[in-house]
Amino acid sequence: KAASAATAPLNRMGTPEDIAGAVAFFASEDASF
């Protein structure tokens, strides 16, 4: 677990909320093209 977190330059593991924000962008008209 610690090694996985250390692989990211942002120095942490992500959260489900991090992914949810990206999904919401794709789902919205902000990504219409």
Full PDB file with SEQRES, HELIX, SHEET, SSBOND, CRYST1, ORIGX, SCALE, CONECT and MASTER records, all heavy atoms in Angstrom:
SEQRES   1 A   33  LYS ALA ALA SER ALA ALA THR ALA PRO LEU ASN ARG MET          
SEQRES   2 A   33  GLY THR PRO GLU ASP ILE ALA GLY ALA VAL ALA PHE PHE          
SEQRES   3 A   33  ALA SER GLU ASP ALA SER PHE                                  
HELIX    1 AA1 ALA A    2  ALA A    6  1                                   5    
HELIX    2 AA2 PRO A   16  ALA A   27  1                                  12    
HELIX    3 AA3 GLU A   29  ALA A   31  5                                   3    
CRYST1    1.000    1.000    1.000  90.00  90.00  90.00 P 1           1          
ORIGX1      1.000000  0.000000  0.000000        0.00000                         
ORIGX2      0.000000  1.000000  0.000000        0.00000                         
ORIGX3      0.000000  0.000000  1.000000        0.00000                         
SCALE1      1.000000  0.000000  0.000000        0.00000                         
SCALE2      0.000000  1.000000  0.000000        0.00000                         
SCALE3      0.000000  0.000000  1.000000        0.00000                         
ATOM      1  N   LYS A   1       0.833  -1.209   0.000  1.00  0.00           N  
ATOM      2  CA  LYS A   1       0.000   0.000   0.000  1.00  0.00           C  
ATOM      3  C   LYS A   1       0.868   1.260   0.000  1.00  0.00           C  
ATOM      4  O   LYS A   1       0.641   2.198  -0.772  1.00  0.00           O  
ATOM      5  CB  LYS A   1      -0.915  -0.033   1.219  1.00  0.00           C  
ATOM      6  CG  LYS A   1      -2.001   1.001   1.249  1.00  0.00           C  
ATOM      7  CD  LYS A   1      -2.910   0.714   2.449  1.00  0.00           C  
ATOM      8  CE  LYS A   1      -4.024   1.707   2.562  1.00  0.00           C  
ATOM      9  NZ  LYS A   1      -4.907   1.406   3.717  1.00  0.00           N  
ATOM     10  N   ALA A   2       1.880   1.288   0.857  1.00  0.00           N  
ATOM     11  CA  ALA A   2       2.769   2.445   0.942  1.00  0.00           C  
ATOM     12  C   ALA A   2       3.551   2.634  -0.345  1.00  0.00           C  
ATOM     13  O   ALA A   2       3.738   3.764  -0.820  1.00  0.00           O  
ATOM     14  CB  ALA A   2       3.720   2.288   2.125  1.00  0.00           C  
ATOM     15  N   ALA A   3       3.998   1.524  -0.941  1.00  0.00           N  
ATOM     16  CA  ALA A   3       4.761   1.609  -2.180  1.00  0.00           C  
ATOM     17  C   ALA A   3       3.897   2.149  -3.311  1.00  0.00           C  
ATOM     18  O   ALA A   3       4.361   2.919  -4.166  1.00  0.00           O  
ATOM     19  CB  ALA A   3       5.316   0.236  -2.542  1.00  0.00           C  
ATOM     20  N   SER A   4       2.635   1.760  -3.326  1.00  0.00           N  
ATOM     21  CA  SER A   4       1.724   2.237  -4.361  1.00  0.00           C  
ATOM     22  C   SER A   4       1.520   3.743  -4.255  1.00  0.00           C  
ATOM     23  O   SER A   4       1.546   4.462  -5.262  1.00  0.00           O  
ATOM     24  CB  SER A   4       0.379   1.511  -4.253  1.00  0.00           C  
ATOM     25  OG  SER A   4       0.547   0.132  -4.474  1.00  0.00           O  
ATOM     26  N   ALA A   5       1.305   4.230  -3.048  1.00  0.00           N  
ATOM     27  CA  ALA A   5       1.131   5.670  -2.850  1.00  0.00           C  
ATOM     28  C   ALA A   5       2.376   6.436  -3.278  1.00  0.00           C  
ATOM     29  O   ALA A   5       2.282   7.524  -3.867  1.00  0.00           O  
ATOM     30  CB  ALA A   5       0.796   5.959  -1.391  1.00  0.00           C  
ATOM     31  N   ALA A   6       3.534   5.863  -3.020  1.00  0.00           N  
ATOM     32  CA  ALA A   6       4.793   6.551  -3.312  1.00  0.00           C  
ATOM     33  C   ALA A   6       5.089   6.628  -4.804  1.00  0.00           C  
ATOM     34  O   ALA A   6       5.932   7.423  -5.228  1.00  0.00           O  
ATOM     35  CB  ALA A   6       5.942   5.854  -2.597  1.00  0.00           C  
ATOM     36  N   THR A   7       4.410   5.821  -5.626  1.00  0.00           N  
ATOM     37  CA  THR A   7       4.678   5.873  -7.064  1.00  0.00           C  
ATOM     38  C   THR A   7       4.147   7.149  -7.709  1.00  0.00           C  
ATOM     39  O   THR A   7       4.595   7.529  -8.788  1.00  0.00           O  
ATOM     40  CB  THR A   7       4.041   4.666  -7.781  1.00  0.00           C  
ATOM     41  OG1 THR A   7       2.618   4.696  -7.602  1.00  0.00           O  
ATOM     42  CG2 THR A   7       4.608   3.355  -7.280  1.00  0.00           C  
ATOM     43  N   ALA A   8       3.186   7.814  -7.085  1.00  0.00           N  
ATOM     44  CA  ALA A   8       2.571   8.997  -7.685  1.00  0.00           C  
ATOM     45  C   ALA A   8       3.382  10.244  -7.357  1.00  0.00           C  
ATOM     46  O   ALA A   8       3.697  10.495  -6.188  1.00  0.00           O  
ATOM     47  CB  ALA A   8       1.147   9.167  -7.173  1.00  0.00           C  
ATOM     48  N   PRO A   9       3.730  11.052  -8.356  1.00  0.00           N  
ATOM     49  CA  PRO A   9       4.388  12.324  -8.059  1.00  0.00           C  
ATOM     50  C   PRO A   9       3.598  13.197  -7.093  1.00  0.00           C  
ATOM     51  O   PRO A   9       4.188  13.976  -6.340  1.00  0.00           O  
ATOM     52  CB  PRO A   9       4.493  12.979  -9.442  1.00  0.00           C  
ATOM     53  CG  PRO A   9       4.599  11.825 -10.378  1.00  0.00           C  
ATOM     54  CD  PRO A   9       3.678  10.781  -9.806  1.00  0.00           C  
ATOM     55  N   LEU A  10       2.264  13.063  -7.070  1.00  0.00           N  
ATOM     56  CA  LEU A  10       1.458  13.805  -6.096  1.00  0.00           C  
ATOM     57  C   LEU A  10       1.520  13.185  -4.707  1.00  0.00           C  
ATOM     58  O   LEU A  10       0.926  13.702  -3.757  1.00  0.00           O  
ATOM     59  CB  LEU A  10       0.011  13.908  -6.565  1.00  0.00           C  
ATOM     60  CG  LEU A  10      -0.215  14.761  -7.822  1.00  0.00           C  
ATOM     61  CD1 LEU A  10      -1.703  14.863  -8.147  1.00  0.00           C  
ATOM     62  CD2 LEU A  10       0.379  16.157  -7.667  1.00  0.00           C  
ATOM     63  N   ASN A  11       2.218  12.047  -4.598  1.00  0.00           N  
ATOM     64  CA  ASN A  11       2.580  11.438  -3.311  1.00  0.00           C  
ATOM     65  C   ASN A  11       1.376  11.010  -2.470  1.00  0.00           C  
ATOM     66  O   ASN A  11       1.391  11.132  -1.244  1.00  0.00           O  
ATOM     67  CB  ASN A  11       3.474  12.388  -2.501  1.00  0.00           C  
ATOM     68  CG  ASN A  11       4.269  11.645  -1.439  1.00  0.00           C  
ATOM     69  OD1 ASN A  11       4.699  10.507  -1.661  1.00  0.00           O  
ATOM     70  ND2 ASN A  11       4.451  12.266  -0.280  1.00  0.00           N  
ATOM     71  N   ARG A  12       0.364  10.498  -3.134  1.00  0.00           N  
ATOM     72  CA  ARG A  12      -0.765   9.926  -2.410  1.00  0.00           C  
ATOM     73  C   ARG A  12      -1.524   9.013  -3.357  1.00  0.00           C  
ATOM     74  O   ARG A  12      -1.351   9.078  -4.576  1.00  0.00           O  
ATOM     75  CB  ARG A  12      -1.711  11.000  -1.870  1.00  0.00           C  
ATOM     76  CG  ARG A  12      -2.485  11.790  -2.954  1.00  0.00           C  
ATOM     77  CD  ARG A  12      -3.520  12.687  -2.314  1.00  0.00           C  
ATOM     78  NE  ARG A  12      -4.231  13.530  -3.271  1.00  0.00           N  
ATOM     79  CZ  ARG A  12      -5.358  13.173  -3.903  1.00  0.00           C  
ATOM     80  NH1 ARG A  12      -5.880  11.971  -3.707  1.00  0.00           N  
ATOM     81  NH2 ARG A  12      -5.950  14.014  -4.741  1.00  0.00           N  
ATOM     82  N   MET A  13      -2.373   8.169  -2.780  1.00  0.00           N  
ATOM     83  CA  MET A  13      -3.323   7.439  -3.593  1.00  0.00           C  
ATOM     84  C   MET A  13      -4.547   8.308  -3.825  1.00  0.00           C  
ATOM     85  O   MET A  13      -4.840   9.230  -3.041  1.00  0.00           O  
ATOM     86  CB  MET A  13      -3.706   6.120  -2.934  1.00  0.00           C  
ATOM     87  CG  MET A  13      -2.688   5.026  -3.196  1.00  0.00           C  
ATOM     88  SD  MET A  13      -3.263   3.381  -2.742  1.00  0.00           S  
ATOM     89  CE  MET A  13      -2.999   3.446  -0.983  1.00  0.00           C  
ATOM     90  N   GLY A  14      -5.260   8.019  -4.879  1.00  0.00           N  
ATOM     91  CA  GLY A  14      -6.455   8.777  -5.172  1.00  0.00           C  
ATOM     92  C   GLY A  14      -7.639   8.290  -4.361  1.00  0.00           C  
ATOM     93  O   GLY A  14      -7.586   7.271  -3.661  1.00  0.00           O  
ATOM     94  N   THR A  15      -8.732   9.033  -4.477  1.00  0.00           N  
ATOM     95  CA  THR A  15      -9.979   8.691  -3.810  1.00  0.00           C  
ATOM     96  C   THR A  15     -11.068   8.488  -4.858  1.00  0.00           C  
ATOM     97  O   THR A  15     -10.942   8.958  -5.996  1.00  0.00           O  
ATOM     98  CB  THR A  15     -10.420   9.818  -2.862  1.00  0.00           C  
ATOM     99  OG1 THR A  15     -10.772  10.981  -3.657  1.00  0.00           O  
ATOM    100  CG2 THR A  15      -9.307  10.176  -1.887  1.00  0.00           C  
ATOM    101  N   PRO A  16     -12.155   7.811  -4.506  1.00  0.00           N  
ATOM    102  CA  PRO A  16     -13.268   7.699  -5.446  1.00  0.00           C  
ATOM    103  C   PRO A  16     -13.771   9.055  -5.919  1.00  0.00           C  
ATOM    104  O   PRO A  16     -14.206   9.199  -7.071  1.00  0.00           O  
ATOM    105  CB  PRO A  16     -14.327   6.958  -4.627  1.00  0.00           C  
ATOM    106  CG  PRO A  16     -13.534   6.105  -3.689  1.00  0.00           C  
ATOM    107  CD  PRO A  16     -12.364   6.975  -3.305  1.00  0.00           C  
ATOM    108  N   GLU A  17     -13.676  10.064  -5.073  1.00  0.00           N  
ATOM    109  CA  GLU A  17     -14.130  11.402  -5.459  1.00  0.00           C  
ATOM    110  C   GLU A  17     -13.265  11.991  -6.569  1.00  0.00           C  
ATOM    111  O   GLU A  17     -13.755  12.750  -7.420  1.00  0.00           O  
ATOM    112  CB  GLU A  17     -14.128  12.321  -4.236  1.00  0.00           C  
ATOM    113  CG  GLU A  17     -15.195  11.999  -3.194  1.00  0.00           C  
ATOM    114  CD  GLU A  17     -14.908  10.729  -2.399  1.00  0.00           C  
ATOM    115  OE1 GLU A  17     -13.715  10.347  -2.282  1.00  0.00           O  
ATOM    116  OE2 GLU A  17     -15.873  10.115  -1.901  1.00  0.00           O  
ATOM    117  N   ASP A  18     -11.970  11.653  -6.571  1.00  0.00           N  
ATOM    118  CA  ASP A  18     -11.092  12.111  -7.651  1.00  0.00           C  
ATOM    119  C   ASP A  18     -11.576  11.580  -9.000  1.00  0.00           C  
ATOM    120  O   ASP A  18     -11.558  12.293 -10.016  1.00  0.00           O  
ATOM    121  CB  ASP A  18      -9.653  11.632  -7.415  1.00  0.00           C  
ATOM    122  CG  ASP A  18      -8.989  12.313  -6.237  1.00  0.00           C  
ATOM    123  OD1 ASP A  18      -9.203  13.519  -6.046  1.00  0.00           O  
ATOM    124  OD2 ASP A  18      -8.249  11.627  -5.508  1.00  0.00           O  
ATOM    125  N   ILE A  19     -12.000  10.326  -9.015  1.00  0.00           N  
ATOM    126  CA  ILE A  19     -12.480   9.727 -10.258  1.00  0.00           C  
ATOM    127  C   ILE A  19     -13.857  10.261 -10.619  1.00  0.00           C  
ATOM    128  O   ILE A  19     -14.159  10.529 -11.797  1.00  0.00           O  
ATOM    129  CB  ILE A  19     -12.526   8.192 -10.127  1.00  0.00           C  
ATOM    130  CG1 ILE A  19     -11.154   7.653  -9.702  1.00  0.00           C  
ATOM    131  CG2 ILE A  19     -12.964   7.557 -11.443  1.00  0.00           C  
ATOM    132  CD1 ILE A  19     -10.008   8.098 -10.579  1.00  0.00           C  
ATOM    133  N   ALA A  20     -14.691  10.467  -9.615  1.00  0.00           N  
ATOM    134  CA  ALA A  20     -16.049  10.947  -9.858  1.00  0.00           C  
ATOM    135  C   ALA A  20     -16.051  12.300 -10.561  1.00  0.00           C  
ATOM    136  O   ALA A  20     -16.895  12.559 -11.432  1.00  0.00           O  
ATOM    137  CB  ALA A  20     -16.810  11.034  -8.536  1.00  0.00           C  
ATOM    138  N   GLY A  21     -15.112  13.151 -10.211  1.00  0.00           N  
ATOM    139  CA  GLY A  21     -15.042  14.448 -10.871  1.00  0.00           C  
ATOM    140  C   GLY A  21     -14.752  14.333 -12.362  1.00  0.00           C  
ATOM    141  O   GLY A  21     -15.323  15.061 -13.182  1.00  0.00           O  
ATOM    142  N   ALA A  22     -13.855  13.400 -12.713  1.00  0.00           N  
ATOM    143  CA  ALA A  22     -13.539  13.188 -14.123  1.00  0.00           C  
ATOM    144  C   ALA A  22     -14.727  12.600 -14.871  1.00  0.00           C  
ATOM    145  O   ALA A  22     -15.020  12.983 -16.015  1.00  0.00           O  
ATOM    146  CB  ALA A  22     -12.326  12.265 -14.241  1.00  0.00           C  
ATOM    147  N   VAL A  23     -15.435  11.671 -14.233  1.00  0.00           N  
ATOM    148  CA  VAL A  23     -16.625  11.089 -14.857  1.00  0.00           C  
ATOM    149  C   VAL A  23     -17.675  12.162 -15.093  1.00  0.00           C  
ATOM    150  O   VAL A  23     -18.293  12.229 -16.167  1.00  0.00           O  
ATOM    151  CB  VAL A  23     -17.206   9.957 -13.984  1.00  0.00           C  
ATOM    152  CG1 VAL A  23     -18.533   9.467 -14.561  1.00  0.00           C  
ATOM    153  CG2 VAL A  23     -16.221   8.794 -13.880  1.00  0.00           C  
ATOM    154  N   ALA A  24     -17.898  13.005 -14.102  1.00  0.00           N  
ATOM    155  CA  ALA A  24     -18.907  14.059 -14.242  1.00  0.00           C  
ATOM    156  C   ALA A  24     -18.572  14.996 -15.393  1.00  0.00           C  
ATOM    157  O   ALA A  24     -19.473  15.464 -16.109  1.00  0.00           O  
ATOM    158  CB  ALA A  24     -19.035  14.830 -12.932  1.00  0.00           C  
ATOM    159  N   PHE A  25     -17.294  15.283 -15.583  1.00  0.00           N  
ATOM    160  CA  PHE A  25     -16.900  16.107 -16.734  1.00  0.00           C  
ATOM    161  C   PHE A  25     -17.289  15.437 -18.039  1.00  0.00           C  
ATOM    162  O   PHE A  25     -17.933  16.041 -18.908  1.00  0.00           O  
ATOM    163  CB  PHE A  25     -15.397  16.375 -16.703  1.00  0.00           C  
ATOM    164  CG  PHE A  25     -14.851  16.876 -18.021  1.00  0.00           C  
ATOM    165  CD1 PHE A  25     -15.159  18.142 -18.475  1.00  0.00           C  
ATOM    166  CD2 PHE A  25     -14.054  16.060 -18.816  1.00  0.00           C  
ATOM    167  CE1 PHE A  25     -14.683  18.606 -19.701  1.00  0.00           C  
ATOM    168  CE2 PHE A  25     -13.564  16.504 -20.034  1.00  0.00           C  
ATOM    169  CZ  PHE A  25     -13.888  17.786 -20.478  1.00  0.00           C  
ATOM    170  N   PHE A  26     -16.914  14.175 -18.219  1.00  0.00           N  
ATOM    171  CA  PHE A  26     -17.241  13.465 -19.450  1.00  0.00           C  
ATOM    172  C   PHE A  26     -18.759  13.381 -19.662  1.00  0.00           C  
ATOM    173  O   PHE A  26     -19.241  13.390 -20.799  1.00  0.00           O  
ATOM    174  CB  PHE A  26     -16.663  12.049 -19.421  1.00  0.00           C  
ATOM    175  CG  PHE A  26     -15.232  11.951 -19.867  1.00  0.00           C  
ATOM    176  CD1 PHE A  26     -14.368  11.049 -19.265  1.00  0.00           C  
ATOM    177  CD2 PHE A  26     -14.737  12.721 -20.903  1.00  0.00           C  
ATOM    178  CE1 PHE A  26     -13.045  10.919 -19.680  1.00  0.00           C  
ATOM    179  CE2 PHE A  26     -13.421  12.610 -21.329  1.00  0.00           C  
ATOM    180  CZ  PHE A  26     -12.568  11.705 -20.718  1.00  0.00           C  
ATOM    181  N   ALA A  27     -19.509  13.269 -18.561  1.00  0.00           N  
ATOM    182  CA  ALA A  27     -20.958  13.120 -18.663  1.00  0.00           C  
ATOM    183  C   ALA A  27     -21.665  14.425 -18.983  1.00  0.00           C  
ATOM    184  O   ALA A  27     -22.821  14.422 -19.419  1.00  0.00           O  
ATOM    185  CB  ALA A  27     -21.508  12.552 -17.354  1.00  0.00           C  
ATOM    186  N   SER A  28     -20.998  15.546 -18.792  1.00  0.00           N  
ATOM    187  CA  SER A  28     -21.623  16.854 -18.937  1.00  0.00           C  
ATOM    188  C   SER A  28     -21.421  17.423 -20.333  1.00  0.00           C  
ATOM    189  O   SER A  28     -20.579  16.963 -21.114  1.00  0.00           O  
ATOM    190  CB  SER A  28     -21.038  17.820 -17.905  1.00  0.00           C  
ATOM    191  OG  SER A  28     -19.743  18.255 -18.293  1.00  0.00           O  
ATOM    192  N   GLU A  29     -22.152  18.486 -20.618  1.00  0.00           N  
ATOM    193  CA  GLU A  29     -22.012  19.157 -21.908  1.00  0.00           C  
ATOM    194  C   GLU A  29     -20.712  19.944 -22.003  1.00  0.00           C  
ATOM    195  O   GLU A  29     -20.367  20.416 -23.094  1.00  0.00           O  
ATOM    196  CB  GLU A  29     -23.224  20.047 -22.169  1.00  0.00           C  
ATOM    197  CG  GLU A  29     -24.499  19.236 -22.380  1.00  0.00           C  
ATOM    198  CD  GLU A  29     -25.679  20.061 -22.846  1.00  0.00           C  
ATOM    199  OE1 GLU A  29     -25.482  21.252 -23.172  1.00  0.00           O  
ATOM    200  OE2 GLU A  29     -26.796  19.523 -22.881  1.00  0.00           O  
ATOM    201  N   ASP A  30     -19.984  20.068 -20.901  1.00  0.00           N  
ATOM    202  CA  ASP A  30     -18.643  20.644 -20.979  1.00  0.00           C  
ATOM    203  C   ASP A  30     -17.737  19.800 -21.872  1.00  0.00           C  
ATOM    204  O   ASP A  30     -16.743  20.297 -22.395  1.00  0.00           O  
ATOM    205  CB  ASP A  30     -18.016  20.736 -19.586  1.00  0.00           C  
ATOM    206  CG  ASP A  30     -18.645  21.822 -18.724  1.00  0.00           C  
ATOM    207  OD1 ASP A  30     -19.327  22.702 -19.281  1.00  0.00           O  
ATOM    208  OD2 ASP A  30     -18.453  21.779 -17.497  1.00  0.00           O  
ATOM    209  N   ALA A  31     -18.092  18.513 -22.021  1.00  0.00           N  
ATOM    210  CA  ALA A  31     -17.305  17.597 -22.858  1.00  0.00           C  
ATOM    211  C   ALA A  31     -18.063  17.244 -24.141  1.00  0.00           C  
ATOM    212  O   ALA A  31     -17.871  16.163 -24.695  1.00  0.00           O  
ATOM    213  CB  ALA A  31     -16.987  16.325 -22.076  1.00  0.00           C  
ATOM    214  N   SER A  32     -18.887  18.151 -24.630  1.00  0.00           N  
ATOM    215  CA  SER A  32     -19.759  17.826 -25.764  1.00  0.00           C  
ATOM    216  C   SER A  32     -18.993  17.521 -27.049  1.00  0.00           C  
ATOM    217  O   SER A  32     -19.545  16.906 -27.971  1.00  0.00           O  
ATOM    218  CB  SER A  32     -20.747  18.970 -26.020  1.00  0.00           C  
ATOM    219  OG  SER A  32     -20.051  20.163 -26.372  1.00  0.00           O  
ATOM    220  N   PHE A  33     -17.727  17.934 -27.145  1.00  0.00           N  
ATOM    221  CA  PHE A  33     -16.914  17.646 -28.337  1.00  0.00           C  
ATOM    222  C   PHE A  33     -15.823  16.627 -28.024  1.00  0.00           C  
ATOM    223  O   PHE A  33     -14.813  16.539 -28.712  1.00  0.00           O  
ATOM    224  CB  PHE A  33     -16.299  18.949 -28.882  1.00  0.00           C  
ATOM    225  CG  PHE A  33     -15.790  18.831 -30.299  1.00  0.00           C  
ATOM    226  CD1 PHE A  33     -16.608  18.394 -31.334  1.00  0.00           C  
ATOM    227  CD2 PHE A  33     -14.477  19.175 -30.601  1.00  0.00           C  
ATOM    228  CE1 PHE A  33     -16.126  18.298 -32.628  1.00  0.00           C  
ATOM    229  CE2 PHE A  33     -13.986  19.070 -31.902  1.00  0.00           C  
ATOM    230  CZ  PHE A  33     -14.816  18.627 -32.910  1.00  0.00           C  
TER     231      PHE A  33                                                      
MASTER        0    0    0    3    0    0    0    6  230    1    0    3          
END                                                                             
